[in-house]
Amino acid sequence: MKILVGYKGSNVGKDLMKIAVKHAKAFEGEILIATSLSGGDKTEGEEVAKAEKNLLQAKLYFDDFNVKSKTHLLVRGLEAGEDLVKFAKENNVDEIIIGVRSRSKVGKLIFGSTAQVVTLEAHCPVLTVK
């Protein structure tokens, strides 16, 4: 089973990673940790370095639990939600785990744009973590 974890290195990411470990162990899965930077070839080097550092920290977390994982930094000029959906399909992912943050009562009805796009357009089940 392939599990895609949409990861940005935020506080939501910690809860998301705990759940990913549980699912990977339960289903003998492999985790694909992905961060999407929408700037394409105009993305600043500092932003890339920060994303790579966050991905490495996530990989080390999964390594601590003996869960097979790979990191993927997506810099393809797509919006994050669209990029994650496309990546999931390209890699035959079985499940996507993504964090959501709600900022208001209206925010509880409408996720952030990334989570909303992933939830509505993914070809596979999507688990949202808040």
C-alpha atoms as a PDB file:
ATOM      1  CA  MET A   1       0.000   0.000   0.000  1.00  0.00           C
ATOM      2  CA  LYS A   2       1.302   3.450  -0.903  1.00  0.00           C
ATOM      3  CA  ILE A   3       0.379   6.309   1.399  1.00  0.00           C
ATOM      4  CA  LEU A   4       0.995   9.888   0.316  1.00  0.00           C
ATOM      5  CA  VAL A   5       1.576  12.344   3.141  1.00  0.00           C
ATOM      6  CA  GLY A   6       1.204  15.985   2.089  1.00  0.00           C
ATOM      7  CA  TYR A   7       3.718  17.625   4.418  1.00  0.00           C
ATOM      8  CA  LYS A   8       4.660  21.236   5.118  1.00  0.00           C
ATOM      9  CA  GLY A   9       6.456  20.886   8.442  1.00  0.00           C
ATOM     10  CA  SER A  10       3.716  22.510  10.532  1.00  0.00           C
ATOM     11  CA  ASN A  11       2.256  21.523  13.898  1.00  0.00           C
ATOM     12  CA  VAL A  12      -0.528  19.672  12.070  1.00  0.00           C
ATOM     13  CA  GLY A  13       2.255  17.596  10.517  1.00  0.00           C
ATOM     14  CA  LYS A  14       3.076  15.862  13.807  1.00  0.00           C
ATOM     15  CA  ASP A  15      -0.430  14.435  14.231  1.00  0.00           C
ATOM     16  CA  LEU A  16      -0.544  13.603  10.545  1.00  0.00           C
ATOM     17  CA  MET A  17       2.718  11.650  10.787  1.00  0.00           C
ATOM     18  CA  LYS A  18       1.528   9.642  13.811  1.00  0.00           C
ATOM     19  CA  ILE A  19      -1.522   8.517  11.844  1.00  0.00           C
ATOM     20  CA  ALA A  20       0.607   7.748   8.781  1.00  0.00           C
ATOM     21  CA  VAL A  21       2.827   5.468  10.896  1.00  0.00           C
ATOM     22  CA  LYS A  22      -0.250   3.608  12.200  1.00  0.00           C
ATOM     23  CA  HIS A  23      -1.629   3.120   8.687  1.00  0.00           C
ATOM     24  CA  ALA A  24       1.734   2.079   7.241  1.00  0.00           C
ATOM     25  CA  LYS A  25       2.243  -0.508   9.966  1.00  0.00           C
ATOM     26  CA  ALA A  26      -1.340  -1.810   9.735  1.00  0.00           C
ATOM     27  CA  PHE A  27      -1.247  -2.203   5.949  1.00  0.00           C
ATOM     28  CA  GLU A  28       2.483  -2.894   5.480  1.00  0.00           C
ATOM     29  CA  GLY A  29       2.623   0.348   3.566  1.00  0.00           C
ATOM     30  CA  GLU A  30       5.220   2.658   2.145  1.00  0.00           C
ATOM     31  CA  ILE A  31       4.958   6.381   2.796  1.00  0.00           C
ATOM     32  CA  LEU A  32       5.635   8.973   0.138  1.00  0.00           C
ATOM     33  CA  ILE A  33       6.267  12.296   1.893  1.00  0.00           C
ATOM     34  CA  ALA A  34       5.623  15.173  -0.494  1.00  0.00           C
ATOM     35  CA  THR A  35       5.880  18.931  -0.309  1.00  0.00           C
ATOM     36  CA  SER A  36       4.688  21.041  -3.222  1.00  0.00           C
ATOM     37  CA  LEU A  37       6.183  24.459  -3.942  1.00  0.00           C
ATOM     38  CA  SER A  38       4.018  26.283  -6.474  1.00  0.00           C
ATOM     39  CA  GLY A  39       6.676  28.703  -7.723  1.00  0.00           C
ATOM     40  CA  GLY A  40       8.093  26.365 -10.363  1.00  0.00           C
ATOM     41  CA  ASP A  41      11.487  27.479 -11.662  1.00  0.00           C
ATOM     42  CA  LYS A  42      11.045  30.848  -9.909  1.00  0.00           C
ATOM     43  CA  THR A  43      11.107  29.228  -6.450  1.00  0.00           C
ATOM     44  CA  GLU A  44      13.690  30.839  -4.164  1.00  0.00           C
ATOM     45  CA  GLY A  45      16.639  28.691  -3.113  1.00  0.00           C
ATOM     46  CA  GLU A  46      15.939  29.481   0.545  1.00  0.00           C
ATOM     47  CA  GLU A  47      12.385  28.128   0.192  1.00  0.00           C
ATOM     48  CA  VAL A  48      13.695  24.929  -1.446  1.00  0.00           C
ATOM     49  CA  ALA A  49      16.305  24.457   1.305  1.00  0.00           C
ATOM     50  CA  LYS A  50      13.667  24.894   4.031  1.00  0.00           C
ATOM     51  CA  ALA A  51      11.338  22.393   2.326  1.00  0.00           C
ATOM     52  CA  GLU A  52      14.172  19.876   1.918  1.00  0.00           C
ATOM     53  CA  LYS A  53      15.063  20.230   5.612  1.00  0.00           C
ATOM     54  CA  ASN A  54      11.415  19.653   6.625  1.00  0.00           C
ATOM     55  CA  LEU A  55      11.201  16.588   4.373  1.00  0.00           C
ATOM     56  CA  LEU A  56      14.391  15.154   5.864  1.00  0.00           C
ATOM     57  CA  GLN A  57      13.019  15.629   9.400  1.00  0.00           C
ATOM     58  CA  ALA A  58       9.840  13.787   8.381  1.00  0.00           C
ATOM     59  CA  LYS A  59      11.880  10.962   6.815  1.00  0.00           C
ATOM     60  CA  LEU A  60      13.925  10.589  10.002  1.00  0.00           C
ATOM     61  CA  TYR A  61      10.678  10.419  12.002  1.00  0.00           C
ATOM     62  CA  PHE A  62       9.414   7.515   9.869  1.00  0.00           C
ATOM     63  CA  ASP A  63      12.845   5.848  10.001  1.00  0.00           C
ATOM     64  CA  ASP A  64      12.583   5.870  13.814  1.00  0.00           C
ATOM     65  CA  PHE A  65       9.458   3.698  13.487  1.00  0.00           C
ATOM     66  CA  ASN A  66      11.025   1.431  10.846  1.00  0.00           C
ATOM     67  CA  VAL A  67       8.485   2.575   8.284  1.00  0.00           C
ATOM     68  CA  LYS A  68       9.650   2.631   4.660  1.00  0.00           C
ATOM     69  CA  SER A  69       9.436   6.169   3.281  1.00  0.00           C
ATOM     70  CA  LYS A  70      10.700   8.374   0.471  1.00  0.00           C
ATOM     71  CA  THR A  71      10.714  12.153   0.197  1.00  0.00           C
ATOM     72  CA  HIS A  72       9.538  14.103  -2.838  1.00  0.00           C
ATOM     73  CA  LEU A  73       9.945  17.841  -3.328  1.00  0.00           C
ATOM     74  CA  LEU A  74       7.529  18.884  -6.065  1.00  0.00           C
ATOM     75  CA  VAL A  75       8.502  22.092  -7.836  1.00  0.00           C
ATOM     76  CA  ARG A  76       6.410  21.830 -10.980  1.00  0.00           C
ATOM     77  CA  GLY A  77       4.684  25.188 -11.109  1.00  0.00           C
ATOM     78  CA  LEU A  78       1.316  23.763 -10.035  1.00  0.00           C
ATOM     79  CA  GLU A  79      -0.807  24.811  -7.084  1.00  0.00           C
ATOM     80  CA  ALA A  80      -0.187  22.479  -4.131  1.00  0.00           C
ATOM     81  CA  GLY A  81      -3.546  20.678  -4.215  1.00  0.00           C
ATOM     82  CA  GLU A  82      -3.405  20.035  -7.952  1.00  0.00           C
ATOM     83  CA  ASP A  83       0.235  18.952  -7.664  1.00  0.00           C
ATOM     84  CA  LEU A  84      -0.444  16.444  -4.871  1.00  0.00           C
ATOM     85  CA  VAL A  85      -3.417  14.942  -6.731  1.00  0.00           C
ATOM     86  CA  LYS A  86      -1.349  14.594  -9.909  1.00  0.00           C
ATOM     87  CA  PHE A  87       1.603  13.083  -7.999  1.00  0.00           C
ATOM     88  CA  ALA A  88      -0.725  10.610  -6.254  1.00  0.00           C
ATOM     89  CA  LYS A  89      -2.131   9.430  -9.553  1.00  0.00           C
ATOM     90  CA  GLU A  90       1.309   9.207 -11.220  1.00  0.00           C
ATOM     91  CA  ASN A  91       2.546   7.015  -8.361  1.00  0.00           C
ATOM     92  CA  ASN A  92      -0.553   4.819  -7.922  1.00  0.00           C
ATOM     93  CA  VAL A  93      -1.081   5.999  -4.346  1.00  0.00           C
ATOM     94  CA  ASP A  94      -3.723   4.113  -2.359  1.00  0.00           C
ATOM     95  CA  GLU A  95      -4.408   6.769   0.285  1.00  0.00           C
ATOM     96  CA  ILE A  96      -3.600  10.432   0.871  1.00  0.00           C
ATOM     97  CA  ILE A  97      -3.201  11.903   4.344  1.00  0.00           C
ATOM     98  CA  ILE A  98      -3.283  15.691   4.510  1.00  0.00           C
ATOM     99  CA  GLY A  99      -3.566  18.272   7.263  1.00  0.00           C
ATOM    100  CA  VAL A 100      -6.329  20.856   7.483  1.00  0.00           C
ATOM    101  CA  ARG A 101      -6.620  24.018   9.508  1.00  0.00           C
ATOM    102  CA  SER A 102      -9.868  25.815  10.148  1.00  0.00           C
ATOM    103  CA  ARG A 103      -9.638  29.481  11.045  1.00  0.00           C
ATOM    104  CA  SER A 104     -13.295  30.303  11.638  1.00  0.00           C
ATOM    105  CA  LYS A 105     -16.784  28.805  11.585  1.00  0.00           C
ATOM    106  CA  VAL A 106     -16.802  29.255   7.824  1.00  0.00           C
ATOM    107  CA  GLY A 107     -13.330  27.694   7.729  1.00  0.00           C
ATOM    108  CA  LYS A 108     -14.780  24.543   9.255  1.00  0.00           C
ATOM    109  CA  LEU A 109     -17.004  24.178   6.201  1.00  0.00           C
ATOM    110  CA  ILE A 110     -14.312  25.021   3.694  1.00  0.00           C
ATOM    111  CA  PHE A 111     -10.810  23.605   4.181  1.00  0.00           C
ATOM    112  CA  GLY A 112      -7.809  25.492   2.958  1.00  0.00           C
ATOM    113  CA  SER A 113      -7.647  25.433  -0.813  1.00  0.00           C
ATOM    114  CA  THR A 114      -4.999  22.671  -0.899  1.00  0.00           C
ATOM    115  CA  ALA A 115      -6.974  20.242   1.260  1.00  0.00           C
ATOM    116  CA  GLN A 116     -10.179  21.102  -0.567  1.00  0.00           C
ATOM    117  CA  VAL A 117      -8.702  20.364  -3.993  1.00  0.00           C
ATOM    118  CA  VAL A 118      -7.109  17.121  -2.799  1.00  0.00           C
ATOM    119  CA  THR A 119     -10.300  15.941  -1.094  1.00  0.00           C
ATOM    120  CA  LEU A 120     -12.496  16.687  -4.090  1.00  0.00           C
ATOM    121  CA  GLU A 121     -10.193  15.601  -6.926  1.00  0.00           C
ATOM    122  CA  ALA A 122      -8.112  12.672  -5.650  1.00  0.00           C
ATOM    123  CA  HIS A 123      -8.628   9.272  -7.241  1.00  0.00           C
ATOM    124  CA  CYS A 124      -8.190   7.518  -3.875  1.00  0.00           C
ATOM    125  CA  PRO A 125      -9.402   7.924  -0.278  1.00  0.00           C
ATOM    126  CA  VAL A 126      -8.224  11.069   1.505  1.00  0.00           C
ATOM    127  CA  LEU A 127      -7.813  11.269   5.267  1.00  0.00           C
ATOM    128  CA  THR A 128      -7.797  14.795   6.657  1.00  0.00           C
ATOM    129  CA  VAL A 129      -6.135  15.531   9.985  1.00  0.00           C
ATOM    130  CA  LYS A 130      -6.702  18.688  12.013  1.00  0.00           C
END
